[in-house]
Amino acid sequence: RIIASVPSLDTPVCDLETRRFNQDAASLPNVEIVVVSMDLPFAQKRWCGAAGIEQVKTLSDHRDASFGEAYGVLVKELRLLARAVFVVDQKGVVRYEQIVGEIVNEPDYEAALRAAKKLVKG
């Protein structure tokens, strides 16, 4: 599983990132891609519908910020998630992690994809 945390789907870099992972999903059989944000579920659904996102699952951490707390990406002062990518194996162990230093930068897609493909090949 690839898990990407983003501040908000309605921002330019998060939009690019989610669209990119949606495209990449076609070349990753047996890999689930999840994008987590603090956006409300109805806003995520609206955005995905408008953007044609069908291969990526979106989850909201709005209610209790449990994902942000557990993965260390909650920006408490802003109540947003930092931009990060995690690759998690079938046992739930994080095997790759990138916390992007500047929120306006995109993650290293290729490194995340390589890590996921390596896990699938075993």
C-alpha atoms as a PDB file:
ATOM      1  CA  ARG A   1       0.000   0.000   0.000  1.00  0.00           C
ATOM      2  CA  ILE A   2       1.145   3.510  -0.813  1.00  0.00           C
ATOM      3  CA  ILE A   3      -0.215   6.102   1.583  1.00  0.00           C
ATOM      4  CA  ALA A   4       0.189   9.760   0.672  1.00  0.00           C
ATOM      5  CA  SER A   5      -0.727  12.441   3.184  1.00  0.00           C
ATOM      6  CA  VAL A   6      -1.554  15.831   1.734  1.00  0.00           C
ATOM      7  CA  PRO A   7      -2.697  19.161   3.218  1.00  0.00           C
ATOM      8  CA  SER A   8      -5.794  19.542   0.992  1.00  0.00           C
ATOM      9  CA  LEU A   9      -6.915  18.083  -2.313  1.00  0.00           C
ATOM     10  CA  ASP A  10      -8.093  21.545  -3.371  1.00  0.00           C
ATOM     11  CA  THR A  11      -4.568  22.942  -3.570  1.00  0.00           C
ATOM     12  CA  PRO A  12      -2.376  22.847  -6.706  1.00  0.00           C
ATOM     13  CA  VAL A  13       0.420  20.532  -5.497  1.00  0.00           C
ATOM     14  CA  CYS A  14      -1.971  18.113  -3.787  1.00  0.00           C
ATOM     15  CA  ASP A  15      -4.050  18.061  -6.962  1.00  0.00           C
ATOM     16  CA  LEU A  16      -0.959  17.216  -9.043  1.00  0.00           C
ATOM     17  CA  GLU A  17       0.193  14.570  -6.595  1.00  0.00           C
ATOM     18  CA  THR A  18      -3.147  12.793  -6.378  1.00  0.00           C
ATOM     19  CA  ARG A  19      -3.584  12.842 -10.160  1.00  0.00           C
ATOM     20  CA  ARG A  20      -0.059  11.455 -10.583  1.00  0.00           C
ATOM     21  CA  PHE A  21      -0.678   8.584  -8.171  1.00  0.00           C
ATOM     22  CA  ASN A  22      -4.011   7.916  -9.889  1.00  0.00           C
ATOM     23  CA  GLN A  23      -2.133   7.491 -13.203  1.00  0.00           C
ATOM     24  CA  ASP A  24       0.602   5.382 -11.607  1.00  0.00           C
ATOM     25  CA  ALA A  25      -1.976   3.016 -10.097  1.00  0.00           C
ATOM     26  CA  ALA A  26      -2.507   1.393 -13.509  1.00  0.00           C
ATOM     27  CA  SER A  27       1.086   0.103 -13.479  1.00  0.00           C
ATOM     28  CA  LEU A  28       0.870  -1.205  -9.910  1.00  0.00           C
ATOM     29  CA  PRO A  29      -1.302  -4.309  -9.750  1.00  0.00           C
ATOM     30  CA  ASN A  30      -1.873  -5.520  -6.196  1.00  0.00           C
ATOM     31  CA  VAL A  31      -0.945  -2.120  -4.722  1.00  0.00           C
ATOM     32  CA  GLU A  32      -3.596   0.030  -3.079  1.00  0.00           C
ATOM     33  CA  ILE A  33      -2.954   3.765  -3.195  1.00  0.00           C
ATOM     34  CA  VAL A  34      -4.556   5.887  -0.496  1.00  0.00           C
ATOM     35  CA  VAL A  35      -4.467   9.672  -0.170  1.00  0.00           C
ATOM     36  CA  VAL A  36      -5.255  11.041   3.294  1.00  0.00           C
ATOM     37  CA  SER A  37      -6.137  14.661   4.012  1.00  0.00           C
ATOM     38  CA  MET A  38      -8.056  16.728   6.533  1.00  0.00           C
ATOM     39  CA  ASP A  39     -10.663  17.530   3.888  1.00  0.00           C
ATOM     40  CA  LEU A  40     -14.180  16.480   4.789  1.00  0.00           C
ATOM     41  CA  PRO A  41     -15.334  13.258   3.095  1.00  0.00           C
ATOM     42  CA  PHE A  42     -17.952  15.044   0.980  1.00  0.00           C
ATOM     43  CA  ALA A  43     -15.307  17.506  -0.258  1.00  0.00           C
ATOM     44  CA  GLN A  44     -12.996  14.605  -1.160  1.00  0.00           C
ATOM     45  CA  LYS A  45     -15.797  12.882  -3.053  1.00  0.00           C
ATOM     46  CA  ARG A  46     -16.636  16.101  -4.922  1.00  0.00           C
ATOM     47  CA  TRP A  47     -13.002  16.714  -5.827  1.00  0.00           C
ATOM     48  CA  CYS A  48     -12.417  13.113  -6.977  1.00  0.00           C
ATOM     49  CA  GLY A  49     -15.533  13.231  -9.143  1.00  0.00           C
ATOM     50  CA  ALA A  50     -14.492  16.509 -10.765  1.00  0.00           C
ATOM     51  CA  ALA A  51     -10.897  15.303 -11.271  1.00  0.00           C
ATOM     52  CA  GLY A  52     -11.800  11.842 -12.562  1.00  0.00           C
ATOM     53  CA  ILE A  53      -9.931  10.075  -9.770  1.00  0.00           C
ATOM     54  CA  GLU A  54     -10.943   6.414  -9.813  1.00  0.00           C
ATOM     55  CA  GLN A  55      -7.800   4.419  -8.980  1.00  0.00           C
ATOM     56  CA  VAL A  56      -6.878   6.155  -5.717  1.00  0.00           C
ATOM     57  CA  LYS A  57      -8.863   5.866  -2.509  1.00  0.00           C
ATOM     58  CA  THR A  58      -9.222   9.037  -0.429  1.00  0.00           C
ATOM     59  CA  LEU A  59      -9.634   9.042   3.332  1.00  0.00           C
ATOM     60  CA  SER A  60     -10.417  11.918   5.669  1.00  0.00           C
ATOM     61  CA  ASP A  61      -8.507  12.421   8.917  1.00  0.00           C
ATOM     62  CA  HIS A  62     -10.709  15.377   9.803  1.00  0.00           C
ATOM     63  CA  ARG A  63     -12.591  13.866  12.723  1.00  0.00           C
ATOM     64  CA  ASP A  64      -9.806  13.030  15.182  1.00  0.00           C
ATOM     65  CA  ALA A  65      -6.500  13.402  13.300  1.00  0.00           C
ATOM     66  CA  SER A  66      -5.608   9.821  14.290  1.00  0.00           C
ATOM     67  CA  PHE A  67      -3.654   9.150  11.082  1.00  0.00           C
ATOM     68  CA  GLY A  68      -1.687  12.386  11.443  1.00  0.00           C
ATOM     69  CA  GLU A  69      -0.857  11.588  15.053  1.00  0.00           C
ATOM     70  CA  ALA A  70       0.077   7.955  14.385  1.00  0.00           C
ATOM     71  CA  TYR A  71       2.306   8.735  11.390  1.00  0.00           C
ATOM     72  CA  GLY A  72       3.793  11.941  12.803  1.00  0.00           C
ATOM     73  CA  VAL A  73       2.503  14.194  10.021  1.00  0.00           C
ATOM     74  CA  LEU A  74      -0.077  16.290  11.870  1.00  0.00           C
ATOM     75  CA  VAL A  75       0.700  20.014  11.757  1.00  0.00           C
ATOM     76  CA  LYS A  76      -1.226  20.879  14.931  1.00  0.00           C
ATOM     77  CA  GLU A  77      -1.081  24.667  14.549  1.00  0.00           C
ATOM     78  CA  LEU A  78      -2.783  24.486  11.144  1.00  0.00           C
ATOM     79  CA  ARG A  79      -4.732  21.259  11.711  1.00  0.00           C
ATOM     80  CA  LEU A  80      -3.400  19.964   8.399  1.00  0.00           C
ATOM     81  CA  LEU A  81      -1.310  16.984   7.401  1.00  0.00           C
ATOM     82  CA  ALA A  82       2.251  17.422   6.167  1.00  0.00           C
ATOM     83  CA  ARG A  83       3.035  16.184   2.676  1.00  0.00           C
ATOM     84  CA  ALA A  84       4.448  12.670   3.029  1.00  0.00           C
ATOM     85  CA  VAL A  85       4.482   9.271   1.350  1.00  0.00           C
ATOM     86  CA  PHE A  86       4.626   5.904   3.084  1.00  0.00           C
ATOM     87  CA  VAL A  87       4.909   2.454   1.542  1.00  0.00           C
ATOM     88  CA  VAL A  88       3.487  -0.170   3.871  1.00  0.00           C
ATOM     89  CA  ASP A  89       3.853  -3.927   3.484  1.00  0.00           C
ATOM     90  CA  GLN A  90       1.111  -6.543   3.936  1.00  0.00           C
ATOM     91  CA  LYS A  91       1.881  -6.818   7.642  1.00  0.00           C
ATOM     92  CA  GLY A  92       1.416  -3.075   8.186  1.00  0.00           C
ATOM     93  CA  VAL A  93       5.136  -2.308   8.488  1.00  0.00           C
ATOM     94  CA  VAL A  94       6.307   0.966   6.968  1.00  0.00           C
ATOM     95  CA  ARG A  95       9.051   0.046   4.489  1.00  0.00           C
ATOM     96  CA  TYR A  96       9.553   3.465   2.865  1.00  0.00           C
ATOM     97  CA  GLU A  97       8.910   6.964   4.149  1.00  0.00           C
ATOM     98  CA  GLN A  98       9.394  10.431   2.762  1.00  0.00           C
ATOM     99  CA  ILE A  99       8.275  13.496   4.646  1.00  0.00           C
ATOM    100  CA  VAL A 100       8.579  16.322   2.144  1.00  0.00           C
ATOM    101  CA  GLY A 101      10.536  19.215   3.661  1.00  0.00           C
ATOM    102  CA  GLU A 102       8.645  21.988   1.912  1.00  0.00           C
ATOM    103  CA  ILE A 103       4.891  21.638   1.612  1.00  0.00           C
ATOM    104  CA  VAL A 104       4.978  23.255  -1.854  1.00  0.00           C
ATOM    105  CA  ASN A 105       7.226  20.483  -3.227  1.00  0.00           C
ATOM    106  CA  GLU A 106       6.024  17.206  -4.688  1.00  0.00           C
ATOM    107  CA  PRO A 107       7.272  13.917  -3.255  1.00  0.00           C
ATOM    108  CA  ASP A 108       9.764  11.637  -4.974  1.00  0.00           C
ATOM    109  CA  TYR A 109       7.233   9.561  -6.896  1.00  0.00           C
ATOM    110  CA  GLU A 110       9.805   7.256  -8.460  1.00  0.00           C
ATOM    111  CA  ALA A 111      11.332   6.274  -5.115  1.00  0.00           C
ATOM    112  CA  ALA A 112       7.908   5.457  -3.663  1.00  0.00           C
ATOM    113  CA  LEU A 113       6.924   3.464  -6.739  1.00  0.00           C
ATOM    114  CA  ARG A 114      10.200   1.517  -6.662  1.00  0.00           C
ATOM    115  CA  ALA A 115       9.651   0.675  -2.993  1.00  0.00           C
ATOM    116  CA  ALA A 116       6.104  -0.536  -3.669  1.00  0.00           C
ATOM    117  CA  LYS A 117       7.137  -2.598  -6.705  1.00  0.00           C
ATOM    118  CA  LYS A 118       9.952  -4.187  -4.698  1.00  0.00           C
ATOM    119  CA  LEU A 119       7.475  -5.316  -2.030  1.00  0.00           C
ATOM    120  CA  VAL A 120       5.089  -6.763  -4.614  1.00  0.00           C
ATOM    121  CA  LYS A 121       7.884  -8.737  -6.265  1.00  0.00           C
ATOM    122  CA  GLY A 122       8.950  -9.948  -2.821  1.00  0.00           C
END
